[in-house]
């Protein structure tokens, strides 16, 4: 919502720049999409490594309660 309000203000102040931003937004989004996918994959891999490293501690804690 904030982005839309900022775009409306830009439209009032400088409409050619607002139209250029409106047309460039999908191109920029497509350009940044691979980086977003790589970030999701790296985040998932780091969570997996963290889970594997912490598994013995979780098991030991669970066994200590019994």
Protein backbone atom coordinates (compact mmCIF):
# COMPACT_ATOMS: atom_id res chain seq x y z
CA UNK A 1 0.00 0.00 0.00
CA UNK A 2 2.86 2.36 0.85
CA UNK A 3 4.47 1.70 -2.52
CA UNK A 4 1.23 2.58 -4.29
CA UNK A 5 0.88 5.82 -2.32
CA UNK A 6 4.47 6.78 -3.13
CA UNK A 7 3.81 6.04 -6.79
CA UNK A 8 0.68 8.24 -6.70
CA UNK A 9 2.71 11.09 -5.21
CA UNK A 10 5.33 10.59 -7.91
CA UNK A 11 2.55 10.59 -10.52
CA UNK A 12 1.34 13.98 -9.29
CA UNK A 13 4.82 15.48 -9.04
CA UNK A 14 6.44 14.04 -12.15
CA UNK A 15 4.15 11.91 -14.30
CA UNK A 16 6.72 10.91 -16.98
CA UNK A 17 9.02 9.45 -14.33
CA UNK A 18 6.07 7.62 -12.74
CA UNK A 19 5.11 6.06 -16.07
CA UNK A 20 8.72 5.00 -16.70
CA UNK A 21 8.82 3.44 -13.23
CA UNK A 22 5.54 1.65 -13.92
CA UNK A 23 6.91 0.19 -17.16
CA UNK A 24 10.34 -0.68 -15.70
CA UNK A 25 8.98 -2.47 -12.62
CA UNK A 26 8.23 -5.83 -14.35
CA UNK A 27 11.63 -5.82 -16.05
CA UNK A 28 13.43 -5.20 -12.76
CA UNK A 29 11.31 -7.88 -11.06
CA UNK A 30 12.24 -10.42 -13.75
CA UNK A 31 15.91 -9.46 -13.48
CA UNK A 32 15.93 -9.94 -9.68
CA UNK A 33 13.94 -13.20 -9.69
CA UNK A 34 16.97 -15.53 -10.06
CA UNK A 35 18.68 -13.85 -7.11
CA UNK A 36 15.55 -14.38 -5.01
CA UNK A 37 15.44 -18.07 -5.98
CA UNK A 38 19.14 -18.47 -5.12
CA UNK A 39 18.50 -16.80 -1.76
CA UNK A 40 15.67 -19.22 -0.97
CA UNK A 41 17.85 -22.20 -1.93
CA UNK A 42 20.82 -21.00 0.15
CA UNK A 43 18.55 -20.29 3.12
CA UNK A 44 17.09 -23.79 2.89
CA UNK A 45 20.55 -25.35 2.73
CA UNK A 46 21.69 -23.38 5.77
CA UNK A 47 18.61 -24.45 7.72
CA UNK A 48 19.32 -28.07 6.79
CA UNK A 49 22.94 -27.80 7.97
CA UNK A 50 21.79 -26.17 11.20
CA UNK A 51 19.29 -28.97 11.81
CA UNK A 52 21.92 -31.65 11.20
CA UNK A 53 24.39 -29.94 13.56
CA UNK A 54 21.80 -29.43 16.30
CA UNK A 55 20.23 -32.92 16.04
CA UNK A 56 22.55 -34.57 18.63
CA UNK A 57 21.80 -31.83 21.16
CA UNK A 58 18.04 -32.20 20.66
CA UNK A 59 18.28 -35.98 21.03
CA UNK A 60 20.43 -35.67 24.19
CA UNK A 61 17.98 -33.19 25.69
CA UNK A 62 15.05 -35.48 24.88
CA UNK A 63 16.85 -38.49 26.42
CA UNK A 64 17.71 -36.49 29.55
CA UNK A 65 14.01 -35.86 30.19
CA UNK A 66 13.13 -39.56 30.18
